[in-house]
């Protein structure tokens, strides 16, 4: 069976895991309603994207 030759040091293991951190998703401001939204996504509050209304929002 394949077995590691020796223990991997803490520095080597830590440097391998240095890119595993989770990033906080960025937010942009909707130009129509000034609510926070994800970039390149339709605004969940008003349904606008790229200076036009894409989704009709219904009042329930």
N, C-alpha and C. Protein backbone atom coordinates (compact mmCIF):
# COMPACT_ATOMS: atom_id res chain seq x y z
N UNK A 1 0.83 -1.19 0.00
CA UNK A 1 0.00 0.00 0.00
C UNK A 1 0.87 1.25 0.00
N UNK A 2 0.36 2.31 -0.59
CA UNK A 2 1.09 3.57 -0.59
C UNK A 2 0.91 4.25 0.75
N UNK A 3 2.02 4.60 1.36
CA UNK A 3 2.02 5.24 2.67
C UNK A 3 2.92 6.47 2.58
N UNK A 4 2.52 7.60 3.20
CA UNK A 4 3.40 8.77 3.18
C UNK A 4 4.75 8.45 3.81
N UNK A 5 5.82 8.94 3.21
CA UNK A 5 7.17 8.67 3.68
C UNK A 5 7.40 9.25 5.07
N UNK A 6 6.92 10.47 5.30
CA UNK A 6 7.07 11.10 6.62
C UNK A 6 5.92 12.07 6.84
N UNK A 7 5.79 12.52 8.10
CA UNK A 7 4.72 13.45 8.46
C UNK A 7 4.93 14.79 7.74
N UNK A 8 3.84 15.35 7.24
CA UNK A 8 3.91 16.67 6.62
C UNK A 8 3.93 17.71 7.72
N UNK A 9 4.85 18.66 7.64
CA UNK A 9 4.99 19.66 8.69
C UNK A 9 3.79 20.59 8.74
N UNK A 10 3.63 21.27 9.88
CA UNK A 10 2.52 22.21 10.05
C UNK A 10 2.61 23.37 9.05
N UNK A 11 3.81 23.82 8.76
CA UNK A 11 3.99 24.93 7.82
C UNK A 11 3.58 24.52 6.41
N UNK A 12 3.95 23.31 6.01
CA UNK A 12 3.61 22.84 4.67
C UNK A 12 2.11 22.61 4.53
N UNK A 13 1.51 22.01 5.57
CA UNK A 13 0.07 21.79 5.54
C UNK A 13 -0.70 23.11 5.59
N UNK A 14 -0.21 24.07 6.38
CA UNK A 14 -0.87 25.36 6.47
C UNK A 14 -0.77 26.15 5.18
N UNK A 15 0.38 26.07 4.51
CA UNK A 15 0.53 26.81 3.26
C UNK A 15 -0.32 26.17 2.16
N UNK A 16 -0.56 24.88 2.23
CA UNK A 16 -1.44 24.23 1.27
C UNK A 16 -2.88 24.69 1.48
N UNK A 17 -3.27 24.89 2.74
CA UNK A 17 -4.63 25.30 3.06
C UNK A 17 -4.82 26.81 3.05
N UNK A 18 -3.84 27.58 2.64
CA UNK A 18 -3.93 29.04 2.73
C UNK A 18 -4.98 29.62 1.79
N UNK A 19 -5.40 28.90 0.77
CA UNK A 19 -6.39 29.40 -0.17
C UNK A 19 -7.78 28.84 0.09
N UNK A 20 -7.99 28.16 1.21
CA UNK A 20 -9.28 27.54 1.50
C UNK A 20 -10.23 28.45 2.26
N UNK A 21 -9.84 29.68 2.55
CA UNK A 21 -10.68 30.58 3.33
C UNK A 21 -11.90 30.98 2.52
N UNK A 22 -13.04 31.12 3.20
CA UNK A 22 -14.27 31.56 2.55
C UNK A 22 -14.24 33.07 2.38
N UNK A 23 -14.70 33.53 1.21
CA UNK A 23 -14.74 34.96 0.94
C UNK A 23 -16.14 35.49 1.20
N UNK A 24 -16.23 36.69 1.72
CA UNK A 24 -17.52 37.33 1.95
C UNK A 24 -18.04 37.82 0.61
N UNK A 25 -19.29 37.46 0.24
CA UNK A 25 -19.80 37.91 -1.05
C UNK A 25 -19.94 39.42 -1.08
N UNK A 26 -19.54 40.02 -2.20
CA UNK A 26 -19.62 41.46 -2.34
C UNK A 26 -21.05 41.88 -2.66
N UNK A 27 -21.38 43.12 -2.34
CA UNK A 27 -22.71 43.65 -2.61
C UNK A 27 -22.57 44.94 -3.39
N UNK A 28 -23.53 45.21 -4.23
CA UNK A 28 -23.61 46.49 -4.92
C UNK A 28 -24.97 47.09 -4.61
N UNK A 29 -25.18 48.31 -5.06
CA UNK A 29 -26.42 49.03 -4.77
C UNK A 29 -27.27 49.04 -6.03
N UNK A 30 -28.55 48.73 -5.88
CA UNK A 30 -29.49 48.77 -6.99
C UNK A 30 -29.69 50.23 -7.41
N UNK A 31 -29.53 50.56 -8.69
CA UNK A 31 -29.69 51.95 -9.10
C UNK A 31 -31.15 52.42 -9.05
N UNK A 32 -32.09 51.49 -8.97
CA UNK A 32 -33.50 51.86 -8.97
C UNK A 32 -34.02 52.09 -7.55
N UNK A 33 -33.77 51.16 -6.63
CA UNK A 33 -34.35 51.26 -5.29
C UNK A 33 -33.31 51.44 -4.19
N UNK A 34 -32.03 51.47 -4.52
CA UNK A 34 -30.92 51.67 -3.59
C UNK A 34 -30.84 50.59 -2.51
N UNK A 35 -31.35 49.39 -2.80
CA UNK A 35 -31.20 48.26 -1.89
C UNK A 35 -29.91 47.52 -2.24
N UNK A 36 -29.35 46.80 -1.27
CA UNK A 36 -28.16 45.99 -1.53
C UNK A 36 -28.55 44.77 -2.34
N UNK A 37 -27.71 44.43 -3.34
CA UNK A 37 -27.96 43.25 -4.17
C UNK A 37 -26.63 42.66 -4.58
N UNK A 38 -26.65 41.43 -5.05
CA UNK A 38 -25.44 40.80 -5.54
C UNK A 38 -25.10 41.37 -6.91
N UNK A 39 -23.82 41.57 -7.22
CA UNK A 39 -23.46 42.09 -8.53
C UNK A 39 -23.86 41.10 -9.63
N UNK A 40 -24.30 41.60 -10.77
CA UNK A 40 -24.68 40.81 -11.94
C UNK A 40 -25.89 39.91 -11.66
N UNK A 41 -26.76 40.32 -10.74
CA UNK A 41 -27.98 39.59 -10.43
C UNK A 41 -29.15 40.57 -10.46
N UNK A 42 -30.34 40.04 -10.70
CA UNK A 42 -31.55 40.85 -10.66
C UNK A 42 -31.81 41.25 -9.21
N UNK A 43 -32.24 42.48 -9.02
CA UNK A 43 -32.56 42.97 -7.68
C UNK A 43 -33.77 42.20 -7.16
N UNK A 44 -33.64 41.63 -5.97
CA UNK A 44 -34.74 40.85 -5.39
C UNK A 44 -35.85 41.75 -4.88
N UNK A 45 -35.55 43.03 -4.64
CA UNK A 45 -36.55 43.94 -4.09
C UNK A 45 -37.47 44.51 -5.17
N UNK A 46 -36.89 44.95 -6.31
CA UNK A 46 -37.71 45.63 -7.31
C UNK A 46 -37.72 44.93 -8.67
N UNK A 47 -36.82 43.96 -8.91
CA UNK A 47 -36.83 43.21 -10.16
C UNK A 47 -36.11 43.89 -11.31
N UNK A 48 -35.27 44.88 -11.04
CA UNK A 48 -34.54 45.58 -12.10
C UNK A 48 -33.17 44.96 -12.29
N UNK A 49 -32.70 45.00 -13.55
CA UNK A 49 -31.35 44.58 -13.88
C UNK A 49 -30.90 45.36 -15.11
N UNK A 50 -29.72 45.94 -15.05
CA UNK A 50 -29.13 46.65 -16.19
C UNK A 50 -30.04 47.77 -16.69
N UNK A 51 -30.54 48.58 -15.77
CA UNK A 51 -31.37 49.76 -16.05
C UNK A 51 -32.68 49.44 -16.75
N UNK A 52 -33.24 48.27 -16.53
CA UNK A 52 -34.57 47.95 -17.06
C UNK A 52 -35.21 46.93 -16.14
N UNK A 53 -36.55 46.91 -16.15
CA UNK A 53 -37.27 45.98 -15.29
C UNK A 53 -37.37 44.63 -15.98
N UNK A 54 -36.88 43.60 -15.32
CA UNK A 54 -36.82 42.26 -15.89
C UNK A 54 -37.93 41.39 -15.31
N UNK A 55 -38.22 41.54 -14.03
CA UNK A 55 -39.20 40.71 -13.35
C UNK A 55 -40.29 41.63 -12.81
N UNK A 56 -41.55 41.27 -13.09
CA UNK A 56 -42.68 42.01 -12.54
C UNK A 56 -42.87 41.56 -11.09
N UNK A 57 -42.81 42.49 -10.16
CA UNK A 57 -43.04 42.17 -8.76
C UNK A 57 -44.52 42.33 -8.45
N UNK A 58 -45.12 41.32 -7.83
CA UNK A 58 -46.55 41.33 -7.51
C UNK A 58 -46.71 41.62 -6.02
N UNK A 59 -47.66 42.48 -5.70
CA UNK A 59 -47.98 42.76 -4.30
C UNK A 59 -48.98 41.72 -3.81
N UNK A 60 -48.61 41.00 -2.76
CA UNK A 60 -49.47 39.94 -2.24
C UNK A 60 -50.13 40.41 -0.97
